[in-house]
Amino acid sequence: MTESATIVQRLWNYCNVLRDDGVSYGDYVEQLTYLLFLKMADEQTKAPFRNLSIIPEAYAWPALTSRDGVELEIHYRETLIELGKSTGMLGVIFRKAQNRIQDPAKLKRLIALIDEETWMGLDIDIKGEIYEGLLQKNAEDTKSGAGQYFTPRPLIRAMVEVMHPQPGMTICDPACGTGGFFLAAHDFIAGNYPLDKEQKRALRCDTFKGWEIVDNTARLCVMNLYLHGIGSDESPVEVNDSLISDPGQRFDLVLTNPPFGKKSSVTIVNGEGKADKSALSYERNDFWATTSNKQLNFVQHIATMLKINGGAAVVVPDNVLFEGGAGETVRRRLLQGFDVHTLLRLPTGIFYAQGVKANVIFFEKKPGREQAWTDKVWIYDLRTNLHFTLKTNPMQEVDLKDFIHCYNPKNRHQREETERFKAFSYDEIMQRDKVSLDIFWLKDESLEDTENLPDPDVLAQEIVGNLEAALLQFELIVDELGDKEQ
């Protein structure tokens, strides 16, 4: 077992002790985040760093290790409240922080566990691996819903590899979750280019900008970046609903997996005083269509945020490819004003959120002109006759190698068709009903070959997926009908 895996296992074993007190996986990772940050901030004040502490002395690590019992619990709670009033990265990490560990003896034990390690002495890769390992375990706890913020890492790395980020680029994720795209892009640039001192500083401090609407997830993201050596005193992540308005900033690359589902994370109190989390329609002058479909809104938002010749890789559910009304309007405008050059159809069973049928759409922003910028859309089918499950057969990097090869990131204008990779011209797509991009051509062998059906758990997962996808479609239709009546 590697050093990082050993530490993950030790920290995770202690989580099982706290489960008896009703502390969830998510709560546990949250408490670890606070304590790890305080411990590392303390280590930075000692040799060889000897930096000034960013934590006020009254709330620094020694103030925790020197207390126990009720006094420890009271001081820890006060520490979280006071640090939550800070600005910058500190403020994001401790924003609305609360103590979830009610037993002071167990809190003392967790502090002792963290105190045993010299975290700043660990290699950045190991620190990052430890935290990513904890986030992965948290995502696997399907009951908590944390998986919706966790995009499979092999998929993220493949998306980054074909987008080929370079030094000096600005990279945005308007729904950044736990920061997976930022980490992969950082690793790609650092691993593929010889960077001088200024370029390293720029990569760390000036390259990434993210938005995350959920406080706890933003906290995990900022800590994840911090442990990987990304960021400065100013947080690269803003805690806000990124769809509310045009941020004004423009980016070279947008890499993102916006949240699935329709419900807003913003609670609105209606006229009767009842809390409502129904889907929001965003009235924005820069949007081509007003809709309560969150994914279509994200596509429009990303279209606004890109610089001219900037590129985007966006995970979208199937309904973005074929939905009528606003969906058709968005697809027409995207195909006209952008070069929508590639679509990757993803297999089922790779996301922690059940029932997701998704794709990655790749497009470039272009200057205005009368003629459509999309010449042809290349579609790679990674779905038909491929079966993955999160536990027994998870998707791995090798499963995306052929897609990367076919995409040809060094010169995507030189491509060849294969059994799974086909090109469809702009004119062909325009003639399709509702300008649908929901295109498939491979024969589904499971419909004919009853002897070689997939495992029962795969079949069950696909049935659940189809039912949930159908339910989502019904909900979208109800919403659209409601919008028309108003």
Protein backbone atom coordinates (compact mmCIF):
# COMPACT_ATOMS: atom_id res chain seq x y z
CA MET A 1 0.00 0.00 0.00
CA THR A 2 1.32 3.49 -0.90
CA GLU A 3 2.03 6.11 1.75
CA SER A 4 -1.02 8.15 0.72
CA ALA A 5 -3.31 5.10 0.64
CA THR A 6 -2.15 4.12 4.15
CA ILE A 7 -2.98 7.58 5.51
CA VAL A 8 -6.35 7.61 3.72
CA GLN A 9 -7.18 4.22 5.21
CA ARG A 10 -6.17 5.31 8.72
CA LEU A 11 -8.24 8.50 8.53
CA TRP A 12 -11.14 6.64 6.96
CA ASN A 13 -11.16 3.90 9.58
CA TYR A 14 -11.71 6.58 12.19
CA CYS A 15 -14.72 7.82 10.23
CA ASN A 16 -16.38 4.46 10.92
CA VAL A 17 -16.00 5.12 14.66
CA LEU A 18 -17.75 8.48 14.27
CA ARG A 19 -20.57 6.94 12.20
CA ASP A 20 -21.94 5.49 15.43
CA ASP A 21 -22.47 9.07 16.63
CA GLY A 22 -24.36 9.97 13.46
CA VAL A 23 -21.47 11.75 11.70
CA SER A 24 -21.87 11.19 7.95
CA TYR A 25 -19.00 10.72 5.50
CA GLY A 26 -19.57 14.25 4.20
CA ASP A 27 -19.53 15.74 7.71
CA TYR A 28 -16.35 13.82 8.49
CA VAL A 29 -14.48 15.06 5.40
CA GLU A 30 -15.67 18.57 6.27
CA GLN A 31 -14.24 18.37 9.82
CA LEU A 32 -11.00 16.90 8.44
CA THR A 33 -10.77 19.89 6.10
CA TYR A 34 -10.92 22.39 8.96
CA LEU A 35 -8.43 20.52 11.12
CA LEU A 36 -5.98 19.74 8.30
CA PHE A 37 -5.94 23.39 7.26
CA LEU A 38 -5.25 24.54 10.84
CA LYS A 39 -2.47 21.96 11.27
CA MET A 40 -0.74 22.90 8.00
CA ALA A 41 -1.05 26.62 8.72
CA ASP A 42 0.74 25.94 12.02
CA GLU A 43 3.47 23.88 10.33
CA GLN A 44 4.17 26.78 7.94
CA THR A 45 5.19 28.97 10.89
CA LYS A 46 7.99 26.53 11.80
CA ALA A 47 11.30 25.63 10.10
CA PRO A 48 12.05 25.48 7.23
CA PHE A 49 9.14 27.79 6.22
CA ARG A 50 9.00 30.28 9.11
CA ASN A 51 6.03 32.13 7.56
CA LEU A 52 3.74 34.46 9.47
CA SER A 53 0.60 32.57 10.49
CA ILE A 54 -2.55 33.36 8.55
CA ILE A 55 -4.54 32.11 11.57
CA PRO A 56 -4.92 34.42 14.63
CA GLU A 57 -2.95 32.99 17.56
CA ALA A 58 -6.07 32.48 19.68
CA TYR A 59 -7.46 30.05 17.07
CA ALA A 60 -4.24 28.40 15.88
CA TRP A 61 -3.50 24.66 16.09
CA PRO A 62 -1.75 24.70 19.52
CA ALA A 63 -4.90 26.19 21.05
CA LEU A 64 -6.72 23.00 20.04
CA THR A 65 -4.07 20.44 20.98
CA SER A 66 -3.69 21.93 24.46
CA ARG A 67 -7.37 21.51 25.35
CA ASP A 68 -9.69 18.59 25.96
CA GLY A 69 -13.19 17.81 27.20
CA VAL A 70 -15.95 20.41 27.06
CA GLU A 71 -13.35 23.21 26.92
CA LEU A 72 -12.03 21.75 23.63
CA GLU A 73 -15.49 21.47 22.12
CA ILE A 74 -16.39 25.07 23.04
CA HIS A 75 -13.07 26.44 21.73
CA TYR A 76 -13.32 24.46 18.46
CA ARG A 77 -16.83 25.79 17.85
CA GLU A 78 -15.67 29.35 18.53
CA THR A 79 -12.66 28.85 16.21
CA LEU A 80 -14.92 27.81 13.32
CA ILE A 81 -17.26 30.78 13.83
CA GLU A 82 -14.47 33.36 14.03
CA LEU A 83 -12.48 32.03 11.04
CA GLY A 84 -15.71 31.95 9.02
CA LYS A 85 -15.70 35.77 9.20
CA SER A 86 -12.39 35.91 7.28
CA THR A 87 -11.93 36.93 3.65
CA GLY A 88 -10.15 35.14 0.79
CA MET A 89 -9.33 31.43 0.86
CA LEU A 90 -9.65 31.28 4.66
CA GLY A 91 -13.18 32.64 4.44
CA VAL A 92 -14.27 30.12 1.80
CA ILE A 93 -12.89 27.16 3.77
CA PHE A 94 -14.52 28.20 7.07
CA ARG A 95 -17.68 29.83 5.67
CA LYS A 96 -20.72 28.70 7.74
CA ALA A 97 -18.52 26.06 9.40
CA GLN A 98 -20.05 24.01 12.22
CA ASN A 99 -18.75 21.31 14.55
CA ARG A 100 -20.45 17.99 13.76
CA ILE A 101 -18.48 15.89 16.28
CA GLN A 102 -20.44 16.11 19.51
CA ASP A 103 -18.24 13.83 21.66
CA PRO A 104 -15.19 15.87 22.86
CA ALA A 105 -13.16 12.66 23.39
CA LYS A 106 -13.63 11.66 19.74
CA LEU A 107 -12.80 15.16 18.58
CA LYS A 108 -9.60 15.00 20.68
CA ARG A 109 -8.71 11.66 19.06
CA LEU A 110 -9.19 13.06 15.54
CA ILE A 111 -6.99 16.06 16.39
CA ALA A 112 -4.35 13.63 17.69
CA LEU A 113 -4.55 11.56 14.47
CA ILE A 114 -3.88 14.65 12.36
CA ASP A 115 -1.20 15.89 14.75
CA GLU A 116 0.77 12.64 14.27
CA GLU A 117 1.58 13.55 10.64
CA THR A 118 3.82 16.36 9.42
CA TRP A 119 1.62 17.37 6.51
CA MET A 120 3.79 20.11 5.01
CA GLY A 121 6.65 17.59 4.90
CA LEU A 122 4.62 15.37 2.58
CA ASP A 123 5.06 15.77 -1.15
CA ILE A 124 2.30 17.86 -2.76
CA ASP A 125 1.29 14.84 -4.87
CA ILE A 126 0.88 12.71 -1.73
CA LYS A 127 -1.12 15.39 0.13
CA GLY A 128 -3.32 15.79 -2.92
CA GLU A 129 -3.74 12.03 -3.33
CA ILE A 130 -4.79 11.71 0.31
CA TYR A 131 -7.50 14.34 -0.04
CA GLU A 132 -8.67 13.07 -3.44
CA GLY A 133 -8.87 9.60 -1.87
CA LEU A 134 -11.13 10.97 0.87
CA LEU A 135 -13.30 12.81 -1.67
CA GLN A 136 -13.62 9.63 -3.74
CA LYS A 137 -14.74 7.67 -0.68
CA ASN A 138 -17.20 10.42 0.16
CA ALA A 139 -18.60 10.28 -3.40
CA GLU A 140 -19.01 6.51 -3.12
CA ASP A 141 -21.40 7.05 -0.21
CA THR A 142 -24.41 7.29 -2.53
CA LYS A 143 -26.84 8.15 0.28
CA SER A 144 -25.12 11.48 0.92
CA GLY A 145 -25.54 12.68 -2.66
CA ALA A 146 -21.90 13.83 -2.69
CA GLY A 147 -21.28 11.86 -5.88
CA GLN A 148 -23.10 14.49 -7.93
CA TYR A 149 -20.10 16.78 -7.37
CA PHE A 150 -17.54 14.15 -8.33
CA THR A 151 -16.80 13.58 -12.04
CA PRO A 152 -14.95 10.31 -12.80
CA ARG A 153 -11.26 11.20 -12.92
CA PRO A 154 -10.44 9.12 -16.06
CA LEU A 155 -13.08 11.12 -17.96
CA ILE A 156 -11.71 14.44 -16.67
CA ARG A 157 -8.15 13.52 -17.68
CA ALA A 158 -9.29 12.50 -21.18
CA MET A 159 -11.22 15.77 -21.63
CA VAL A 160 -8.19 17.77 -20.51
CA GLU A 161 -5.81 15.81 -22.73
CA VAL A 162 -7.79 16.49 -25.91
CA MET A 163 -8.31 20.18 -24.98
CA HIS A 164 -4.53 20.51 -24.51
CA PRO A 165 -4.30 23.46 -22.06
CA GLN A 166 -1.14 25.57 -22.37
CA PRO A 167 0.82 27.95 -20.09
CA GLY A 168 -0.71 31.42 -19.95
CA MET A 169 -4.25 30.24 -20.64
CA THR A 170 -7.11 31.17 -18.33
CA ILE A 171 -9.25 28.15 -17.40
CA CYS A 172 -12.75 28.30 -15.95
CA ASP A 173 -15.22 25.85 -14.44
CA PRO A 174 -18.56 27.54 -13.63
CA ALA A 175 -19.74 24.50 -11.62
CA CYS A 176 -16.41 23.36 -10.20
CA GLY A 177 -17.52 20.77 -7.62
CA THR A 178 -14.43 19.48 -5.83
CA GLY A 179 -12.02 20.91 -8.44
CA GLY A 180 -11.23 17.86 -10.58
CA PHE A 181 -10.88 19.77 -13.86
CA PHE A 182 -8.53 22.34 -12.32
CA LEU A 183 -6.26 19.64 -10.89
CA ALA A 184 -6.09 17.73 -14.18
CA ALA A 185 -5.40 20.88 -16.21
CA HIS A 186 -2.72 21.97 -13.72
CA ASP A 187 -1.04 18.55 -13.91
CA PHE A 188 -1.22 18.54 -17.71
CA ILE A 189 0.44 21.96 -18.06
CA ALA A 190 3.07 21.26 -15.37
CA GLY A 191 3.86 17.85 -16.88
CA ASN A 192 4.05 18.85 -20.56
CA TYR A 193 5.81 22.23 -20.54
CA PRO A 194 9.13 23.40 -19.02
CA LEU A 195 7.92 26.35 -16.90
CA ASP A 196 10.08 29.19 -15.61
CA LYS A 197 9.53 30.74 -12.17
CA GLU A 198 7.00 33.34 -13.36
CA GLN A 199 5.03 30.75 -15.36
CA LYS A 200 4.85 28.50 -12.30
CA ARG A 201 3.55 31.40 -10.21
CA ALA A 202 0.98 32.27 -12.90
CA LEU A 203 -0.14 28.63 -13.13
CA ARG A 204 -0.62 28.55 -9.36
CA CYS A 205 -2.27 31.95 -8.89
CA ASP A 206 -3.68 33.37 -12.15
CA THR A 207 -4.86 30.45 -14.29
CA PHE A 208 -8.02 29.08 -12.65
CA LYS A 209 -11.38 30.60 -11.84
CA GLY A 210 -14.37 28.66 -10.56
CA TRP A 211 -17.86 29.07 -9.21
CA GLU A 212 -19.60 26.66 -6.85
CA ILE A 213 -23.06 27.28 -5.42
CA VAL A 214 -22.89 24.86 -2.46
CA ASP A 215 -20.85 26.11 0.52
CA ASN A 216 -19.60 22.71 1.63
CA THR A 217 -18.55 21.68 -1.89
CA ALA A 218 -16.74 25.01 -2.45
CA ARG A 219 -14.89 24.39 0.83
CA LEU A 220 -13.77 20.93 -0.32
CA CYS A 221 -12.71 22.36 -3.68
CA VAL A 222 -10.58 25.18 -2.23
CA MET A 223 -8.93 22.77 0.21
CA ASN A 224 -8.29 20.30 -2.62
CA LEU A 225 -6.60 23.03 -4.68
CA TYR A 226 -4.61 24.26 -1.66
CA LEU A 227 -3.29 20.76 -0.97
CA HIS A 228 -2.23 20.49 -4.63
CA GLY A 229 -0.36 23.81 -4.45
CA ILE A 230 -2.96 25.83 -6.39
CA GLY A 231 -4.23 29.22 -5.27
CA SER A 232 -3.02 32.08 -3.11
CA ASP A 233 -4.56 34.01 -0.22
CA GLU A 234 -7.33 34.93 -2.65
CA SER A 235 -9.67 32.03 -3.35
CA PRO A 236 -9.84 30.91 -7.01
CA VAL A 237 -13.41 29.77 -6.27
CA GLU A 238 -16.39 32.06 -5.78
CA VAL A 239 -19.34 30.77 -3.74
CA ASN A 240 -22.28 31.85 -5.87
CA ASP A 241 -24.81 30.78 -8.49
CA SER A 242 -22.75 31.33 -11.63
CA LEU A 243 -25.86 31.45 -13.84
CA ILE A 244 -27.29 34.60 -12.25
CA SER A 245 -25.36 36.97 -14.51
CA ASP A 246 -22.56 37.40 -17.03
CA PRO A 247 -19.38 37.56 -14.89
CA GLY A 248 -17.76 39.93 -17.37
CA GLN A 249 -14.60 37.82 -17.51
CA ARG A 250 -13.72 35.82 -20.64
CA PHE A 251 -11.67 32.61 -20.64
CA ASP A 252 -9.48 30.60 -23.02
CA LEU A 253 -10.89 27.26 -21.83
CA VAL A 254 -14.05 26.17 -20.05
CA LEU A 255 -13.99 22.61 -18.69
CA THR A 256 -17.04 21.57 -16.70
CA ASN A 257 -19.63 19.01 -15.68
CA PRO A 258 -22.62 21.13 -14.60
CA PRO A 259 -25.00 19.52 -12.09
CA PHE A 260 -27.69 17.24 -13.48
CA GLY A 261 -31.33 17.62 -12.50
CA LYS A 262 -33.56 20.66 -12.65
CA LYS A 263 -34.02 21.84 -9.09
CA SER A 264 -32.31 25.08 -8.17
CA SER A 265 -29.85 25.18 -5.30
CA VAL A 266 -31.26 28.62 -4.47
CA THR A 267 -34.24 28.56 -2.13
CA ILE A 268 -36.91 31.13 -2.95
CA VAL A 269 -39.68 32.06 -0.51
CA ASN A 270 -42.88 32.42 -2.51
CA GLY A 271 -45.85 34.74 -1.84
CA GLU A 272 -47.39 32.29 0.63
CA GLY A 273 -44.19 32.22 2.68
CA LYS A 274 -43.28 28.68 1.60
CA ALA A 275 -39.74 27.72 0.63
CA ASP A 276 -39.54 26.74 -3.01
CA LYS A 277 -36.63 25.06 -4.81
CA SER A 278 -38.31 24.73 -8.19
CA ALA A 279 -36.30 25.22 -11.33
CA LEU A 280 -35.36 28.82 -12.11
CA SER A 281 -35.59 30.53 -15.45
CA TYR A 282 -32.76 33.03 -15.85
CA GLU A 283 -33.70 36.23 -17.68
CA ARG A 284 -30.45 37.26 -19.34
CA ASN A 285 -29.94 39.44 -22.40
CA ASP A 286 -26.98 37.33 -23.53
CA PHE A 287 -29.02 34.07 -23.52
CA TRP A 288 -30.61 32.85 -26.76
CA ALA A 289 -33.57 31.24 -24.95
CA THR A 290 -35.21 31.60 -21.53
CA THR A 291 -35.73 28.18 -20.01
CA SER A 292 -35.85 26.39 -16.66
CA ASN A 293 -33.58 23.64 -18.07
CA LYS A 294 -30.42 24.16 -16.04
CA GLN A 295 -28.14 22.35 -18.51
CA LEU A 296 -29.28 24.49 -21.46
CA ASN A 297 -28.66 27.55 -19.31
CA PHE A 298 -25.14 26.37 -18.56
CA VAL A 299 -24.44 25.84 -22.28
CA GLN A 300 -25.57 29.42 -22.98
CA HIS A 301 -23.59 30.74 -20.02
CA ILE A 302 -20.41 29.00 -21.25
CA ALA A 303 -20.97 30.38 -24.75
CA THR A 304 -20.90 33.88 -23.21
CA MET A 305 -17.80 33.23 -21.08
CA LEU A 306 -15.47 32.06 -23.85
CA LYS A 307 -12.96 34.32 -25.54
CA ILE A 308 -13.03 34.37 -29.35
CA ASN A 309 -11.28 31.11 -30.42
CA GLY A 310 -11.63 29.85 -26.85
CA GLY A 311 -12.67 26.22 -26.42
CA ALA A 312 -15.13 24.38 -24.19
CA ALA A 313 -15.61 20.75 -23.14
CA VAL A 314 -18.92 20.34 -21.32
CA VAL A 315 -20.67 17.25 -19.92
CA VAL A 316 -24.38 17.42 -20.78
CA PRO A 317 -27.28 14.97 -20.34
CA ASP A 318 -28.98 13.49 -23.42
CA ASN A 319 -31.93 15.92 -23.29
CA VAL A 320 -29.62 18.78 -24.33
CA LEU A 321 -29.09 16.92 -27.63
CA PHE A 322 -32.73 16.41 -28.61
CA GLU A 323 -35.12 18.54 -26.55
CA GLY A 324 -37.36 20.83 -28.61
CA GLY A 325 -38.30 24.45 -27.92
CA ALA A 326 -35.43 26.15 -26.08
CA GLY A 327 -33.20 23.13 -26.74
CA GLU A 328 -33.59 23.46 -30.50
CA THR A 329 -32.96 27.23 -30.31
CA VAL A 330 -29.75 26.73 -28.33
CA ARG A 331 -28.47 24.00 -30.69
CA ARG A 332 -29.16 26.13 -33.79
CA ARG A 333 -27.36 29.16 -32.34
CA LEU A 334 -24.45 27.04 -31.10
CA LEU A 335 -23.96 25.31 -34.47
CA GLN A 336 -24.19 28.66 -36.28
CA GLY A 337 -21.93 30.87 -34.14
CA PHE A 338 -19.52 28.24 -32.79
CA ASP A 339 -17.52 25.37 -34.24
CA VAL A 340 -19.26 22.40 -32.57
CA HIS A 341 -16.68 19.90 -33.72
CA THR A 342 -16.92 16.84 -31.45
CA LEU A 343 -19.43 14.92 -29.35
CA LEU A 344 -18.50 12.04 -27.05
CA ARG A 345 -21.42 9.77 -26.13
CA LEU A 346 -20.67 8.46 -22.65
CA PRO A 347 -21.55 5.01 -21.35
CA THR A 348 -23.99 4.51 -18.48
CA GLY A 349 -22.79 3.38 -15.05
CA ILE A 350 -19.87 5.81 -14.70
CA PHE A 351 -21.47 8.54 -12.56
CA TYR A 352 -22.37 8.32 -8.90
CA ALA A 353 -25.71 9.99 -9.66
CA GLN A 354 -27.91 7.13 -10.89
CA GLY A 355 -29.74 7.17 -14.19
CA VAL A 356 -27.45 9.63 -15.95
CA LYS A 357 -27.12 9.35 -19.72
CA ALA A 358 -24.55 11.93 -20.66
CA ASN A 359 -22.25 13.23 -23.38
CA VAL A 360 -19.33 15.61 -23.69
CA ILE A 361 -19.81 18.37 -26.22
CA PHE A 362 -16.70 20.18 -27.52
CA PHE A 363 -16.98 23.58 -29.21
CA GLU A 364 -14.98 26.72 -30.06
CA LYS A 365 -16.21 30.30 -30.03
CA LYS A 366 -15.82 32.19 -33.30
CA PRO A 367 -16.21 35.81 -34.45
CA GLY A 368 -19.56 36.81 -35.93
CA ARG A 369 -20.26 35.97 -39.59
CA GLU A 370 -23.25 35.02 -41.75
CA GLN A 371 -22.04 31.53 -42.68
CA ALA A 372 -22.29 28.83 -39.98
CA TRP A 373 -19.00 28.03 -38.24
CA THR A 374 -19.78 24.34 -37.71
CA ASP A 375 -18.74 22.36 -40.78
CA LYS A 376 -19.20 18.84 -39.40
CA VAL A 377 -19.79 17.26 -36.01
CA TRP A 378 -17.67 14.20 -35.23
CA ILE A 379 -19.43 11.80 -32.87
CA TYR A 380 -17.65 9.10 -30.87
CA ASP A 381 -20.00 6.41 -29.49
CA LEU A 382 -18.57 5.10 -26.21
CA ARG A 383 -22.01 3.89 -25.12
CA THR A 384 -23.41 1.21 -27.42
CA ASN A 385 -22.52 -2.35 -26.28
CA LEU A 386 -20.29 -1.03 -23.48
CA HIS A 387 -21.26 -1.70 -19.87
CA PHE A 388 -19.65 -0.15 -16.81
CA THR A 389 -20.49 -0.20 -13.11
CA LEU A 390 -18.97 1.90 -10.34
CA LYS A 391 -17.85 -1.07 -8.23
CA THR A 392 -17.28 -4.18 -10.36
CA ASN A 393 -16.28 -2.63 -13.71
CA PRO A 394 -15.45 1.08 -13.35
CA MET A 395 -14.41 3.06 -16.42
CA GLN A 396 -10.63 3.44 -16.57
CA GLU A 397 -8.25 5.60 -18.58
CA VAL A 398 -7.57 2.78 -21.05
CA ASP A 399 -11.27 2.84 -22.02
CA LEU A 400 -10.83 6.38 -23.35
CA LYS A 401 -7.57 5.84 -25.24
CA ASP A 402 -9.28 5.16 -28.57
CA PHE A 403 -11.41 8.29 -28.24
CA ILE A 404 -8.29 10.40 -27.59
CA HIS A 405 -6.57 8.80 -30.60
CA CYS A 406 -9.58 9.43 -32.87
CA TYR A 407 -10.01 13.00 -31.61
CA ASN A 408 -6.41 13.68 -32.69
CA PRO A 409 -5.69 16.62 -30.33
CA LYS A 410 -2.49 17.59 -32.20
CA ASN A 411 -4.53 18.32 -35.33
CA ARG A 412 -8.24 17.67 -35.02
CA HIS A 413 -8.72 18.78 -38.63
CA GLN A 414 -7.09 15.54 -39.73
CA ARG A 415 -9.38 12.73 -38.62
CA GLU A 416 -10.50 9.39 -39.95
CA GLU A 417 -13.81 7.62 -39.45
CA THR A 418 -13.88 4.33 -37.55
CA GLU A 419 -16.63 1.99 -36.42
CA ARG A 420 -17.25 4.16 -33.35
CA PHE A 421 -16.26 7.57 -34.80
CA LYS A 422 -18.40 9.17 -37.52
CA ALA A 423 -18.71 12.65 -39.02
CA PHE A 424 -22.06 14.32 -39.75
CA SER A 425 -22.20 17.45 -41.88
CA TYR A 426 -23.87 20.69 -40.82
CA ASP A 427 -26.48 20.28 -43.59
CA GLU A 428 -27.30 16.72 -42.44
CA ILE A 429 -27.86 17.91 -38.89
CA MET A 430 -29.98 20.90 -39.95
CA GLN A 431 -32.36 18.51 -41.73
CA ARG A 432 -32.88 16.37 -38.64
CA ASP A 433 -36.05 16.79 -36.56
CA LYS A 434 -35.47 19.64 -34.04
CA VAL A 435 -31.82 19.75 -35.20
CA SER A 436 -31.25 16.73 -32.94
CA LEU A 437 -27.68 15.71 -32.14
CA ASP A 438 -28.94 12.47 -30.56
CA ILE A 439 -27.33 10.35 -33.29
CA PHE A 440 -26.38 6.68 -33.07
CA TRP A 441 -25.60 4.09 -35.71
CA LEU A 442 -24.11 1.02 -34.00
CA LYS A 443 -26.40 -2.00 -33.56
CA ASP A 444 -27.24 -2.74 -29.92
CA GLU A 445 -26.19 -6.37 -29.63
CA SER A 446 -28.09 -6.93 -26.38
CA LEU A 447 -31.36 -6.52 -28.32
CA GLU A 448 -30.54 -9.58 -30.43
CA ASP A 449 -28.06 -11.67 -28.46
CA THR A 450 -30.01 -13.02 -25.48
CA GLU A 451 -27.28 -15.56 -24.62
CA ASN A 452 -24.64 -12.94 -23.84
CA LEU A 453 -26.65 -10.45 -21.83
CA PRO A 454 -24.70 -8.24 -19.41
CA ASP A 455 -24.57 -9.08 -15.70
CA PRO A 456 -27.85 -8.63 -13.80
CA ASP A 457 -26.49 -5.63 -11.84
CA VAL A 458 -25.59 -3.91 -15.13
CA LEU A 459 -29.05 -4.64 -16.56
CA ALA A 460 -30.71 -3.40 -13.38
CA GLN A 461 -28.63 -0.22 -13.47
CA GLU A 462 -29.57 0.40 -17.11
CA ILE A 463 -33.27 -0.12 -16.35
CA VAL A 464 -33.04 2.39 -13.48
CA GLY A 465 -31.15 4.75 -15.77
CA ASN A 466 -33.78 4.55 -18.51
CA LEU A 467 -36.63 5.09 -16.05
CA GLU A 468 -34.93 8.07 -14.41
CA ALA A 469 -34.03 9.58 -17.78
CA ALA A 470 -37.67 9.20 -18.86
CA LEU A 471 -38.86 10.79 -15.62
CA LEU A 472 -36.52 13.73 -16.18
CA GLN A 473 -37.99 14.20 -19.65
CA PHE A 474 -41.53 14.23 -18.24
CA GLU A 475 -40.49 16.82 -15.65
CA LEU A 476 -38.97 19.00 -18.36
CA ILE A 477 -42.17 18.77 -20.44
CA VAL A 478 -44.26 19.75 -17.39
CA ASP A 479 -41.93 22.72 -16.77
CA GLU A 480 -42.10 23.86 -20.40
CA LEU A 481 -45.92 23.65 -20.33
CA GLY A 482 -45.91 25.64 -17.09
CA ASP A 483 -43.64 28.30 -18.63
CA LYS A 484 -46.03 28.68 -21.60
CA GLU A 485 -49.08 29.12 -19.33
CA GLN A 486 -47.48 31.98 -17.35
